[in-house]
Amino acid sequence: METIHVVQPFDRVKNVLKPGQALQFKSADEAARRASLLADKHAGVVAYSMDVDEDSGDYGTPRVLFEAGDVPEL
């Protein structure tokens, strides 16, 4: 099992919240820093960590590292 650290930006398109390109980072700190830098450029952004076992397809509960603006519930 490994832990992934993801930044997911969101933008408004015709008043609908749409996910942008997700970014993956090596550390939780790096993901949180990048999310804070992207916060002013998007309608919303969230950084989270999650345990993943790709062999079995098991995904843990996401742990929010940083959240700003409009983001859907994880």
N, C-alpha and C. Protein backbone atom coordinates (compact mmCIF):
# COMPACT_ATOMS: atom_id res chain seq x y z
N MET A 1 0.85 -1.18 0.00
CA MET A 1 0.00 0.00 0.00
C MET A 1 0.89 1.23 0.00
N GLU A 2 0.49 2.21 -0.77
CA GLU A 2 1.23 3.48 -0.81
C GLU A 2 0.27 4.63 -0.52
N THR A 3 0.83 5.77 -0.17
CA THR A 3 0.04 6.98 0.05
C THR A 3 0.29 7.92 -1.11
N ILE A 4 -0.81 8.39 -1.71
CA ILE A 4 -0.69 9.37 -2.78
C ILE A 4 -1.10 10.74 -2.25
N HIS A 5 -0.55 11.78 -2.86
CA HIS A 5 -0.83 13.17 -2.46
C HIS A 5 -1.25 13.89 -3.73
N VAL A 6 -2.49 14.37 -3.73
CA VAL A 6 -3.10 14.90 -4.95
C VAL A 6 -3.58 16.32 -4.73
N VAL A 7 -3.44 17.14 -5.79
CA VAL A 7 -4.03 18.48 -5.83
C VAL A 7 -5.04 18.47 -6.96
N GLN A 8 -6.28 18.85 -6.64
CA GLN A 8 -7.35 18.89 -7.63
C GLN A 8 -7.94 20.30 -7.70
N PRO A 9 -7.68 21.03 -8.80
CA PRO A 9 -8.30 22.34 -8.97
C PRO A 9 -9.70 22.19 -9.59
N PHE A 10 -10.54 23.19 -9.37
CA PHE A 10 -11.88 23.24 -9.95
C PHE A 10 -12.11 24.62 -10.54
N ASP A 11 -12.79 24.65 -11.68
CA ASP A 11 -13.13 25.92 -12.33
C ASP A 11 -14.62 25.94 -12.64
N ARG A 12 -15.16 27.13 -12.75
CA ARG A 12 -16.57 27.29 -13.11
C ARG A 12 -16.66 27.46 -14.63
N VAL A 13 -17.47 26.60 -15.25
CA VAL A 13 -17.74 26.68 -16.68
C VAL A 13 -19.25 26.75 -16.83
N LYS A 14 -19.73 27.89 -17.31
CA LYS A 14 -21.19 28.11 -17.44
C LYS A 14 -21.89 27.82 -16.12
N ASN A 15 -21.32 28.33 -15.04
CA ASN A 15 -21.84 28.23 -13.69
C ASN A 15 -21.89 26.79 -13.14
N VAL A 16 -21.12 25.90 -13.74
CA VAL A 16 -21.01 24.52 -13.25
C VAL A 16 -19.56 24.28 -12.83
N LEU A 17 -19.37 23.70 -11.65
CA LEU A 17 -18.03 23.41 -11.15
C LEU A 17 -17.45 22.19 -11.86
N LYS A 18 -16.32 22.38 -12.54
CA LYS A 18 -15.68 21.31 -13.31
C LYS A 18 -14.27 21.06 -12.79
N PRO A 19 -13.87 19.78 -12.65
CA PRO A 19 -12.51 19.48 -12.20
C PRO A 19 -11.51 19.78 -13.31
N GLY A 20 -10.36 20.31 -12.91
CA GLY A 20 -9.26 20.53 -13.83
C GLY A 20 -8.30 19.35 -13.78
N GLN A 21 -7.11 19.55 -14.28
CA GLN A 21 -6.09 18.50 -14.30
C GLN A 21 -5.59 18.23 -12.88
N ALA A 22 -5.74 17.00 -12.42
CA ALA A 22 -5.24 16.61 -11.09
C ALA A 22 -3.73 16.47 -11.16
N LEU A 23 -3.05 16.87 -10.09
CA LEU A 23 -1.59 16.80 -9.99
C LEU A 23 -1.23 15.91 -8.81
N GLN A 24 -0.23 15.06 -8.98
CA GLN A 24 0.20 14.18 -7.90
C GLN A 24 1.60 14.59 -7.45
N PHE A 25 1.84 14.55 -6.12
CA PHE A 25 3.10 14.97 -5.54
C PHE A 25 3.69 13.89 -4.65
N LYS A 26 4.99 14.01 -4.37
CA LYS A 26 5.69 13.01 -3.57
C LYS A 26 5.43 13.15 -2.07
N SER A 27 5.05 14.36 -1.63
CA SER A 27 4.81 14.56 -0.19
C SER A 27 3.55 15.38 0.05
N ALA A 28 3.00 15.24 1.24
CA ALA A 28 1.82 16.00 1.64
C ALA A 28 2.14 17.49 1.69
N ASP A 29 3.32 17.85 2.19
CA ASP A 29 3.71 19.26 2.27
C ASP A 29 3.78 19.89 0.89
N GLU A 30 4.36 19.17 -0.05
CA GLU A 30 4.49 19.67 -1.42
C GLU A 30 3.10 19.88 -2.05
N ALA A 31 2.19 18.95 -1.83
CA ALA A 31 0.83 19.07 -2.36
C ALA A 31 0.10 20.26 -1.74
N ALA A 32 0.20 20.44 -0.44
CA ALA A 32 -0.46 21.55 0.23
C ALA A 32 0.10 22.89 -0.24
N ARG A 33 1.42 22.98 -0.42
CA ARG A 33 2.03 24.22 -0.92
C ARG A 33 1.53 24.56 -2.32
N ARG A 34 1.49 23.56 -3.20
CA ARG A 34 1.05 23.81 -4.57
C ARG A 34 -0.42 24.23 -4.60
N ALA A 35 -1.23 23.59 -3.78
CA ALA A 35 -2.65 23.96 -3.72
C ALA A 35 -2.83 25.40 -3.28
N SER A 36 -2.05 25.82 -2.29
CA SER A 36 -2.17 27.21 -1.82
C SER A 36 -1.76 28.20 -2.91
N LEU A 37 -0.79 27.82 -3.74
CA LEU A 37 -0.38 28.69 -4.85
C LEU A 37 -1.44 28.75 -5.95
N LEU A 38 -2.20 27.69 -6.12
CA LEU A 38 -3.23 27.64 -7.16
C LEU A 38 -4.56 28.25 -6.72
N ALA A 39 -4.72 28.49 -5.44
CA ALA A 39 -6.01 28.92 -4.89
C ALA A 39 -6.55 30.19 -5.55
N ASP A 40 -5.69 31.15 -5.87
CA ASP A 40 -6.14 32.41 -6.47
C ASP A 40 -6.41 32.28 -7.97
N LYS A 41 -6.04 31.18 -8.58
CA LYS A 41 -6.19 31.01 -10.02
C LYS A 41 -7.40 30.17 -10.42
N HIS A 42 -8.10 29.59 -9.44
CA HIS A 42 -9.22 28.69 -9.71
C HIS A 42 -10.39 29.00 -8.79
N ALA A 43 -11.58 28.51 -9.17
CA ALA A 43 -12.76 28.70 -8.33
C ALA A 43 -12.60 27.97 -7.01
N GLY A 44 -11.83 26.88 -7.03
CA GLY A 44 -11.56 26.12 -5.82
C GLY A 44 -10.41 25.16 -6.06
N VAL A 45 -9.81 24.73 -4.97
CA VAL A 45 -8.72 23.76 -5.05
C VAL A 45 -8.67 22.97 -3.74
N VAL A 46 -8.37 21.68 -3.87
CA VAL A 46 -8.22 20.84 -2.69
C VAL A 46 -6.97 19.99 -2.86
N ALA A 47 -6.23 19.84 -1.78
CA ALA A 47 -5.10 18.91 -1.73
C ALA A 47 -5.46 17.85 -0.71
N TYR A 48 -5.20 16.59 -1.06
CA TYR A 48 -5.52 15.51 -0.13
C TYR A 48 -4.53 14.37 -0.28
N SER A 49 -4.44 13.57 0.78
CA SER A 49 -3.64 12.35 0.78
C SER A 49 -4.59 11.18 0.93
N MET A 50 -4.20 10.04 0.34
CA MET A 50 -5.06 8.87 0.41
C MET A 50 -4.20 7.62 0.25
N ASP A 51 -4.48 6.62 1.08
CA ASP A 51 -3.79 5.33 0.96
C ASP A 51 -4.42 4.54 -0.19
N VAL A 52 -3.55 3.95 -1.02
CA VAL A 52 -4.02 3.21 -2.19
C VAL A 52 -3.27 1.88 -2.28
N ASP A 53 -4.04 0.82 -2.51
CA ASP A 53 -3.45 -0.48 -2.79
C ASP A 53 -3.88 -0.84 -4.21
N GLU A 54 -3.00 -0.56 -5.17
CA GLU A 54 -3.35 -0.76 -6.57
C GLU A 54 -3.57 -2.23 -6.91
N ASP A 55 -2.89 -3.14 -6.22
CA ASP A 55 -3.06 -4.56 -6.50
C ASP A 55 -4.48 -5.04 -6.21
N SER A 56 -5.03 -4.57 -5.09
CA SER A 56 -6.38 -5.01 -4.71
C SER A 56 -7.46 -4.02 -5.13
N GLY A 57 -7.04 -2.79 -5.53
CA GLY A 57 -8.01 -1.77 -5.90
C GLY A 57 -8.64 -1.08 -4.71
N ASP A 58 -8.04 -1.23 -3.53
CA ASP A 58 -8.56 -0.59 -2.32
C ASP A 58 -8.05 0.84 -2.20
N TYR A 59 -8.98 1.75 -1.84
CA TYR A 59 -8.65 3.15 -1.64
C TYR A 59 -9.09 3.55 -0.25
N GLY A 60 -8.23 4.22 0.49
CA GLY A 60 -8.57 4.69 1.82
C GLY A 60 -9.38 5.97 1.77
N THR A 61 -9.75 6.45 2.92
CA THR A 61 -10.49 7.70 3.03
C THR A 61 -9.54 8.87 2.79
N PRO A 62 -9.91 9.80 1.90
CA PRO A 62 -9.04 10.96 1.65
C PRO A 62 -8.90 11.82 2.91
N ARG A 63 -7.69 12.32 3.15
CA ARG A 63 -7.41 13.23 4.24
C ARG A 63 -7.07 14.59 3.63
N VAL A 64 -7.91 15.58 3.89
CA VAL A 64 -7.73 16.91 3.30
C VAL A 64 -6.53 17.59 3.93
N LEU A 65 -5.63 18.09 3.06
CA LEU A 65 -4.43 18.82 3.50
C LEU A 65 -4.62 20.32 3.38
N PHE A 66 -5.38 20.73 2.35
CA PHE A 66 -5.62 22.15 2.08
C PHE A 66 -6.89 22.24 1.25
N GLU A 67 -7.71 23.23 1.54
CA GLU A 67 -8.93 23.45 0.76
C GLU A 67 -9.23 24.94 0.70
N ALA A 68 -9.57 25.43 -0.49
CA ALA A 68 -9.92 26.84 -0.65
C ALA A 68 -10.96 26.98 -1.75
N GLY A 69 -11.85 27.93 -1.59
CA GLY A 69 -12.85 28.21 -2.62
C GLY A 69 -13.94 27.16 -2.68
N ASP A 70 -14.51 27.01 -3.87
CA ASP A 70 -15.63 26.09 -4.09
C ASP A 70 -15.09 24.72 -4.52
N VAL A 71 -15.30 23.74 -3.67
CA VAL A 71 -14.90 22.36 -3.99
C VAL A 71 -16.02 21.43 -3.55
N PRO A 72 -16.28 20.37 -4.33
CA PRO A 72 -17.29 19.40 -3.88
C PRO A 72 -16.76 18.59 -2.70
N GLU A 73 -17.66 17.97 -1.98
CA GLU A 73 -17.27 17.14 -0.84
C GLU A 73 -16.53 15.90 -1.34
N LEU A 74 -15.42 15.54 -0.68
CA LEU A 74 -14.67 14.34 -1.08
C LEU A 74 -15.39 13.09 -0.64
